Amino acid sequence: MPALISVWMGLACLLLSLAMLLWRPAMTDVAVTIALWGAAATMALAGLVLWGLRNEPPSRAVRMQRVQAGAAIVLALAGAAIVYVLVITATPVPRRTLSGAGRLLSYPLLASGAGPLRGGSIGDATPGHWEHCPHEDRL
């Protein structure tokens, strides 16, 4: 049963990775974390299955469980590889230019010196401030 569960876990990791590849809004920090930790858990469970079957006499059931564990490892590695390639080749998505208060709220205020943790407030950041901000190229 653990071999079958590991295959489904590997398939879920691969499907999540493909969803991130084909539909970019799915590529969030949570999805990347789930895919990578899921791949690690899948490979660990499949490894435990292979370790548990190392001394079993060869039979059809043992062979099939080994195949399932091997398939789970391959699926998890493929999913993790896709996620790593996506993370390495990722480029920031440019934000839409907003006007007025919407633009002020969409900008990382703490990096510019404004904001409650730096002794300022959202109202301290005037529109003229944004043209001279050193972090403007990150938008």
N, C-alpha and C. Protein backbone atom coordinates (compact mmCIF):
# COMPACT_ATOMS: atom_id res chain seq x y z
N MET A 1 0.80 -1.20 0.00
CA MET A 1 0.00 0.00 0.00
C MET A 1 0.85 1.28 0.00
N PRO A 2 1.97 1.34 0.77
CA PRO A 2 2.80 2.55 0.71
C PRO A 2 3.38 2.80 -0.68
N ALA A 3 3.64 1.74 -1.44
CA ALA A 3 4.16 1.93 -2.79
C ALA A 3 3.12 2.62 -3.66
N LEU A 4 1.88 2.22 -3.54
CA LEU A 4 0.81 2.84 -4.32
C LEU A 4 0.59 4.30 -3.88
N ILE A 5 0.66 4.55 -2.59
CA ILE A 5 0.51 5.93 -2.10
C ILE A 5 1.65 6.81 -2.62
N SER A 6 2.86 6.27 -2.66
CA SER A 6 3.99 7.06 -3.14
C SER A 6 3.84 7.40 -4.63
N VAL A 7 3.26 6.51 -5.41
CA VAL A 7 3.02 6.81 -6.83
C VAL A 7 2.03 7.95 -6.96
N TRP A 8 0.96 7.92 -6.20
CA TRP A 8 -0.03 8.99 -6.26
C TRP A 8 0.56 10.31 -5.79
N MET A 9 1.40 10.26 -4.76
CA MET A 9 2.06 11.48 -4.30
C MET A 9 2.99 12.04 -5.38
N GLY A 10 3.73 11.17 -6.04
CA GLY A 10 4.61 11.61 -7.12
C GLY A 10 3.83 12.20 -8.28
N LEU A 11 2.70 11.59 -8.60
CA LEU A 11 1.86 12.11 -9.68
C LEU A 11 1.29 13.48 -9.30
N ALA A 12 0.90 13.65 -8.04
CA ALA A 12 0.39 14.94 -7.58
C ALA A 12 1.47 16.02 -7.68
N CYS A 13 2.70 15.68 -7.31
CA CYS A 13 3.80 16.65 -7.42
C CYS A 13 4.06 17.02 -8.88
N LEU A 14 4.03 16.04 -9.75
CA LEU A 14 4.24 16.32 -11.17
C LEU A 14 3.12 17.17 -11.73
N LEU A 15 1.88 16.87 -11.37
CA LEU A 15 0.75 17.66 -11.87
C LEU A 15 0.80 19.10 -11.36
N LEU A 16 1.19 19.28 -10.10
CA LEU A 16 1.33 20.63 -9.57
C LEU A 16 2.44 21.38 -10.30
N SER A 17 3.52 20.70 -10.60
CA SER A 17 4.62 21.33 -11.33
C SER A 17 4.19 21.70 -12.75
N LEU A 18 3.45 20.83 -13.39
CA LEU A 18 2.96 21.14 -14.73
C LEU A 18 1.94 22.27 -14.71
N ALA A 19 1.14 22.34 -13.67
CA ALA A 19 0.20 23.45 -13.54
C ALA A 19 0.95 24.77 -13.40
N MET A 20 2.05 24.77 -12.65
CA MET A 20 2.86 25.98 -12.53
C MET A 20 3.52 26.35 -13.85
N LEU A 21 3.88 25.33 -14.62
CA LEU A 21 4.52 25.57 -15.91
C LEU A 21 3.54 26.14 -16.93
N LEU A 22 2.35 25.60 -16.97
CA LEU A 22 1.37 25.99 -17.99
C LEU A 22 0.52 27.18 -17.58
N TRP A 23 0.33 27.39 -16.30
CA TRP A 23 -0.53 28.47 -15.82
C TRP A 23 0.24 29.24 -14.76
N ARG A 24 0.89 30.32 -15.16
CA ARG A 24 1.81 31.05 -14.29
C ARG A 24 1.20 31.57 -13.00
N PRO A 25 -0.08 31.96 -12.94
CA PRO A 25 -0.60 32.40 -11.64
C PRO A 25 -0.55 31.30 -10.57
N ALA A 26 -0.43 30.05 -10.97
CA ALA A 26 -0.33 28.96 -9.99
C ALA A 26 1.04 28.89 -9.34
N MET A 27 2.02 29.61 -9.89
CA MET A 27 3.38 29.57 -9.35
C MET A 27 3.50 30.56 -8.20
N THR A 28 3.11 30.12 -7.05
CA THR A 28 3.21 30.93 -5.85
C THR A 28 4.25 30.29 -4.92
N ASP A 29 4.60 31.01 -3.89
CA ASP A 29 5.56 30.47 -2.91
C ASP A 29 5.02 29.21 -2.27
N VAL A 30 3.73 29.18 -1.99
CA VAL A 30 3.12 28.01 -1.35
C VAL A 30 3.17 26.81 -2.30
N ALA A 31 2.85 27.03 -3.57
CA ALA A 31 2.85 25.93 -4.54
C ALA A 31 4.26 25.37 -4.74
N VAL A 32 5.24 26.25 -4.83
CA VAL A 32 6.63 25.79 -4.98
C VAL A 32 7.06 24.98 -3.76
N THR A 33 6.70 25.46 -2.58
CA THR A 33 7.06 24.74 -1.35
C THR A 33 6.39 23.38 -1.29
N ILE A 34 5.10 23.34 -1.62
CA ILE A 34 4.38 22.06 -1.59
C ILE A 34 4.96 21.09 -2.60
N ALA A 35 5.27 21.58 -3.80
CA ALA A 35 5.81 20.69 -4.83
C ALA A 35 7.16 20.11 -4.43
N LEU A 36 8.03 20.95 -3.89
CA LEU A 36 9.36 20.45 -3.53
C LEU A 36 9.34 19.57 -2.29
N TRP A 37 8.59 19.95 -1.27
CA TRP A 37 8.51 19.09 -0.08
C TRP A 37 7.73 17.82 -0.39
N GLY A 38 6.73 17.93 -1.26
CA GLY A 38 6.00 16.74 -1.68
C GLY A 38 6.88 15.77 -2.44
N ALA A 39 7.75 16.31 -3.28
CA ALA A 39 8.68 15.44 -4.02
C ALA A 39 9.65 14.75 -3.05
N ALA A 40 10.12 15.50 -2.07
CA ALA A 40 11.02 14.89 -1.09
C ALA A 40 10.32 13.81 -0.28
N ALA A 41 9.08 14.07 0.13
CA ALA A 41 8.32 13.06 0.89
C ALA A 41 8.02 11.84 0.03
N THR A 42 7.73 12.07 -1.24
CA THR A 42 7.46 10.95 -2.15
C THR A 42 8.69 10.07 -2.30
N MET A 43 9.83 10.70 -2.51
CA MET A 43 11.06 9.91 -2.67
C MET A 43 11.44 9.20 -1.38
N ALA A 44 11.17 9.82 -0.24
CA ALA A 44 11.46 9.16 1.04
C ALA A 44 10.57 7.94 1.23
N LEU A 45 9.28 8.09 0.94
CA LEU A 45 8.36 6.97 1.09
C LEU A 45 8.70 5.84 0.12
N ALA A 46 9.01 6.20 -1.12
CA ALA A 46 9.39 5.18 -2.11
C ALA A 46 10.70 4.51 -1.70
N GLY A 47 11.62 5.28 -1.16
CA GLY A 47 12.87 4.69 -0.68
C GLY A 47 12.65 3.73 0.48
N LEU A 48 11.73 4.08 1.37
CA LEU A 48 11.40 3.16 2.47
C LEU A 48 10.77 1.87 1.95
N VAL A 49 9.94 1.99 0.91
CA VAL A 49 9.36 0.78 0.31
C VAL A 49 10.45 -0.09 -0.28
N LEU A 50 11.37 0.53 -1.03
CA LEU A 50 12.46 -0.26 -1.62
C LEU A 50 13.36 -0.86 -0.53
N TRP A 51 13.59 -0.11 0.53
CA TRP A 51 14.41 -0.62 1.63
C TRP A 51 13.72 -1.79 2.33
N GLY A 52 12.43 -1.69 2.50
CA GLY A 52 11.70 -2.76 3.15
C GLY A 52 11.62 -4.03 2.31
N LEU A 53 11.71 -3.89 1.01
CA LEU A 53 11.62 -5.05 0.12
C LEU A 53 12.99 -5.60 -0.28
N ARG A 54 14.06 -5.09 0.28
CA ARG A 54 15.39 -5.50 -0.17
C ARG A 54 15.70 -6.96 0.11
N ASN A 55 15.13 -7.53 1.17
CA ASN A 55 15.41 -8.93 1.52
C ASN A 55 14.26 -9.88 1.20
N GLU A 56 13.22 -9.35 0.57
CA GLU A 56 12.08 -10.20 0.23
C GLU A 56 12.43 -11.13 -0.93
N PRO A 57 11.92 -12.35 -0.89
CA PRO A 57 12.15 -13.23 -2.04
C PRO A 57 11.42 -12.69 -3.27
N PRO A 58 12.01 -12.84 -4.44
CA PRO A 58 11.38 -12.29 -5.64
C PRO A 58 10.05 -12.98 -5.95
N SER A 59 9.04 -12.19 -6.05
CA SER A 59 7.73 -12.68 -6.46
C SER A 59 7.09 -11.58 -7.30
N ARG A 60 5.95 -11.90 -7.87
CA ARG A 60 5.28 -10.91 -8.73
C ARG A 60 4.84 -9.68 -7.93
N ALA A 61 4.36 -9.88 -6.72
CA ALA A 61 3.91 -8.76 -5.89
C ALA A 61 5.08 -7.85 -5.51
N VAL A 62 6.20 -8.44 -5.17
CA VAL A 62 7.38 -7.65 -4.79
C VAL A 62 7.89 -6.87 -5.99
N ARG A 63 7.93 -7.51 -7.17
CA ARG A 63 8.37 -6.82 -8.38
C ARG A 63 7.47 -5.63 -8.69
N MET A 64 6.17 -5.80 -8.55
CA MET A 64 5.23 -4.71 -8.85
C MET A 64 5.37 -3.56 -7.85
N GLN A 65 5.63 -3.87 -6.58
CA GLN A 65 5.83 -2.81 -5.61
C GLN A 65 7.13 -2.05 -5.88
N ARG A 66 8.15 -2.77 -6.32
CA ARG A 66 9.40 -2.11 -6.69
C ARG A 66 9.21 -1.21 -7.90
N VAL A 67 8.42 -1.67 -8.86
CA VAL A 67 8.12 -0.84 -10.04
C VAL A 67 7.35 0.41 -9.62
N GLN A 68 6.38 0.24 -8.72
CA GLN A 68 5.62 1.40 -8.25
C GLN A 68 6.53 2.39 -7.52
N ALA A 69 7.42 1.89 -6.68
CA ALA A 69 8.33 2.78 -5.95
C ALA A 69 9.28 3.49 -6.92
N GLY A 70 9.75 2.77 -7.91
CA GLY A 70 10.62 3.39 -8.92
C GLY A 70 9.88 4.45 -9.73
N ALA A 71 8.64 4.16 -10.09
CA ALA A 71 7.84 5.15 -10.83
C ALA A 71 7.58 6.38 -9.97
N ALA A 72 7.36 6.19 -8.68
CA ALA A 72 7.14 7.32 -7.79
C ALA A 72 8.38 8.21 -7.72
N ILE A 73 9.54 7.60 -7.67
CA ILE A 73 10.79 8.37 -7.63
C ILE A 73 10.97 9.15 -8.93
N VAL A 74 10.69 8.52 -10.06
CA VAL A 74 10.83 9.20 -11.35
C VAL A 74 9.84 10.37 -11.46
N LEU A 75 8.59 10.15 -11.05
CA LEU A 75 7.60 11.23 -11.10
C LEU A 75 7.99 12.39 -10.19
N ALA A 76 8.46 12.08 -8.99
CA ALA A 76 8.85 13.13 -8.05
C ALA A 76 10.07 13.90 -8.56
N LEU A 77 11.03 13.20 -9.12
CA LEU A 77 12.21 13.87 -9.67
C LEU A 77 11.83 14.76 -10.84
N ALA A 78 10.93 14.29 -11.71
CA ALA A 78 10.49 15.11 -12.84
C ALA A 78 9.78 16.36 -12.35
N GLY A 79 8.91 16.22 -11.36
CA GLY A 79 8.21 17.37 -10.81
C GLY A 79 9.16 18.36 -10.17
N ALA A 80 10.12 17.88 -9.39
CA ALA A 80 11.09 18.76 -8.75
C ALA A 80 11.98 19.44 -9.78
N ALA A 81 12.35 18.72 -10.83
CA ALA A 81 13.18 19.32 -11.88
C ALA A 81 12.43 20.45 -12.58
N ILE A 82 11.16 20.25 -12.85
CA ILE A 82 10.36 21.31 -13.48
C ILE A 82 10.30 22.53 -12.58
N VAL A 83 10.07 22.32 -11.30
CA VAL A 83 9.99 23.45 -10.36
C VAL A 83 11.33 24.17 -10.29
N TYR A 84 12.43 23.44 -10.20
CA TYR A 84 13.73 24.09 -10.12
C TYR A 84 14.03 24.90 -11.39
N VAL A 85 13.71 24.35 -12.56
CA VAL A 85 13.92 25.09 -13.81
C VAL A 85 13.04 26.34 -13.83
N LEU A 86 11.81 26.23 -13.38
CA LEU A 86 10.92 27.40 -13.32
C LEU A 86 11.46 28.47 -12.38
N VAL A 87 11.95 28.06 -11.24
CA VAL A 87 12.47 29.03 -10.27
C VAL A 87 13.74 29.68 -10.79
N ILE A 88 14.62 28.91 -11.39
CA ILE A 88 15.89 29.45 -11.88
C ILE A 88 15.66 30.41 -13.04
N THR A 89 14.74 30.09 -13.93
CA THR A 89 14.50 30.92 -15.11
C THR A 89 13.39 31.94 -14.92
N ALA A 90 12.86 32.07 -13.71
CA ALA A 90 11.75 32.99 -13.48
C ALA A 90 12.21 34.44 -13.62
N THR A 91 11.34 35.23 -14.21
CA THR A 91 11.57 36.67 -14.30
C THR A 91 10.41 37.35 -13.60
N PRO A 92 10.66 38.50 -13.01
CA PRO A 92 9.57 39.17 -12.32
C PRO A 92 8.51 39.64 -13.31
N VAL A 93 7.28 39.49 -12.91
CA VAL A 93 6.17 39.93 -13.73
C VAL A 93 5.98 41.42 -13.47
N PRO A 94 6.00 42.25 -14.51
CA PRO A 94 5.83 43.68 -14.26
C PRO A 94 4.44 43.99 -13.75
N ARG A 95 4.39 44.88 -12.78
CA ARG A 95 3.11 45.28 -12.23
C ARG A 95 2.48 46.32 -13.14
N ARG A 96 1.16 46.38 -13.11
CA ARG A 96 0.46 47.43 -13.83
C ARG A 96 0.74 48.75 -13.13
N THR A 97 0.87 49.78 -13.92
CA THR A 97 1.06 51.10 -13.34
C THR A 97 -0.27 51.60 -12.82
N LEU A 98 -0.30 51.88 -11.54
CA LEU A 98 -1.51 52.38 -10.92
C LEU A 98 -1.34 53.85 -10.63
N SER A 99 -2.41 54.54 -10.46
CA SER A 99 -2.32 55.95 -10.14
C SER A 99 -2.92 56.20 -8.76
N GLY A 100 -2.49 57.28 -8.15
CA GLY A 100 -3.06 57.69 -6.88
C GLY A 100 -2.70 56.75 -5.76
N ALA A 101 -3.66 56.58 -4.84
CA ALA A 101 -3.43 55.78 -3.64
C ALA A 101 -3.19 54.31 -3.99
N GLY A 102 -3.78 53.83 -5.08
CA GLY A 102 -3.56 52.45 -5.47
C GLY A 102 -2.10 52.17 -5.77
N ARG A 103 -1.44 53.14 -6.39
CA ARG A 103 -0.03 52.96 -6.68
C ARG A 103 0.79 52.99 -5.40
N LEU A 104 0.44 53.85 -4.48
CA LEU A 104 1.17 53.90 -3.22
C LEU A 104 1.03 52.60 -2.45
N LEU A 105 -0.13 52.02 -2.48
CA LEU A 105 -0.35 50.79 -1.73
C LEU A 105 0.26 49.58 -2.42
N SER A 106 0.50 49.66 -3.73
CA SER A 106 1.05 48.51 -4.44
C SER A 106 2.57 48.47 -4.35
N TYR A 107 3.18 49.50 -3.86
CA TYR A 107 4.64 49.57 -3.80
C TYR A 107 5.13 49.11 -2.44
N PRO A 108 6.25 48.43 -2.37
CA PRO A 108 6.79 48.03 -1.06
C PRO A 108 7.28 49.25 -0.28
N LEU A 109 6.43 49.77 0.57
CA LEU A 109 6.71 51.03 1.25
C LEU A 109 7.89 50.95 2.20
N LEU A 110 8.10 49.81 2.82
CA LEU A 110 9.17 49.72 3.80
C LEU A 110 10.54 49.82 3.15
N ALA A 111 10.68 49.38 1.91
CA ALA A 111 11.97 49.47 1.22
C ALA A 111 12.30 50.90 0.85
N SER A 112 11.31 51.76 0.71
CA SER A 112 11.57 53.13 0.29
C SER A 112 11.77 54.08 1.47
N GLY A 113 11.61 53.62 2.67
CA GLY A 113 11.81 54.48 3.82
C GLY A 113 10.51 54.97 4.42
N ALA A 114 9.40 54.84 3.72
CA ALA A 114 8.12 55.24 4.26
C ALA A 114 7.49 54.04 4.95
N GLY A 115 6.51 54.28 5.75
CA GLY A 115 5.82 53.18 6.39
C GLY A 115 5.95 53.24 7.89
N PRO A 116 5.08 52.54 8.59
CA PRO A 116 5.06 52.64 10.05
C PRO A 116 6.31 52.12 10.73
N LEU A 117 7.01 51.16 10.13
CA LEU A 117 8.20 50.62 10.80
C LEU A 117 9.42 51.52 10.65
N ARG A 118 9.37 52.45 9.71
CA ARG A 118 10.47 53.37 9.51
C ARG A 118 10.14 54.77 10.03
N GLY A 119 9.08 54.91 10.79
CA GLY A 119 8.73 56.19 11.36
C GLY A 119 7.84 57.03 10.48
N GLY A 120 7.39 56.51 9.38
CA GLY A 120 6.53 57.28 8.49
C GLY A 120 5.18 56.61 8.38
N SER A 121 4.40 57.06 7.48
CA SER A 121 3.11 56.44 7.22
C SER A 121 2.88 56.42 5.72
N ILE A 122 1.81 55.79 5.30
CA ILE A 122 1.52 55.71 3.87
C ILE A 122 1.34 57.10 3.29
N GLY A 123 0.78 58.02 4.05
CA GLY A 123 0.58 59.37 3.56
C GLY A 123 1.88 60.14 3.38
N ASP A 124 3.01 59.69 4.02
CA ASP A 124 4.29 60.38 3.88
C ASP A 124 4.89 60.21 2.50
N ALA A 125 4.51 59.18 1.78
CA ALA A 125 5.07 58.93 0.47
C ALA A 125 4.28 59.72 -0.56
N THR A 126 4.85 60.80 -1.00
CA THR A 126 4.16 61.63 -1.98
C THR A 126 4.43 61.09 -3.37
N PRO A 127 3.57 61.40 -4.36
CA PRO A 127 3.80 60.89 -5.72
C PRO A 127 5.15 61.30 -6.29
N GLY A 128 5.67 62.47 -5.92
CA GLY A 128 6.99 62.88 -6.41
C GLY A 128 8.10 62.01 -5.88
N HIS A 129 7.89 61.39 -4.73
CA HIS A 129 8.90 60.53 -4.13
C HIS A 129 9.18 59.31 -5.00
N TRP A 130 8.19 58.81 -5.68
CA TRP A 130 8.33 57.55 -6.41
C TRP A 130 9.23 57.68 -7.62
N GLU A 131 9.36 58.87 -8.19
CA GLU A 131 10.24 59.03 -9.35
C GLU A 131 11.71 58.96 -8.95
N HIS A 132 12.03 59.23 -7.69
CA HIS A 132 13.42 59.25 -7.25
C HIS A 132 13.78 58.04 -6.40
N CYS A 133 12.89 57.10 -6.30
CA CYS A 133 13.12 55.94 -5.45
C CYS A 133 14.13 55.01 -6.10
N PRO A 134 15.16 54.55 -5.38
CA PRO A 134 16.16 53.66 -5.99
C PRO A 134 15.59 52.29 -6.36
N HIS A 135 14.46 51.91 -5.82
CA HIS A 135 13.90 50.59 -6.09
C HIS A 135 12.84 50.64 -7.19
N GLU A 136 12.71 51.76 -7.89
CA GLU A 136 11.66 51.92 -8.90
C GLU A 136 11.81 50.89 -10.02
N ASP A 137 13.05 50.47 -10.32
CA ASP A 137 13.25 49.52 -11.42
C ASP A 137 12.71 48.13 -11.09
N ARG A 138 12.37 47.84 -9.86
CA ARG A 138 11.82 46.54 -9.48
C ARG A 138 10.33 46.42 -9.78
N LEU A 139 9.68 47.50 -10.10
CA LEU A 139 8.26 47.42 -10.40
C LEU A 139 8.05 46.70 -11.63
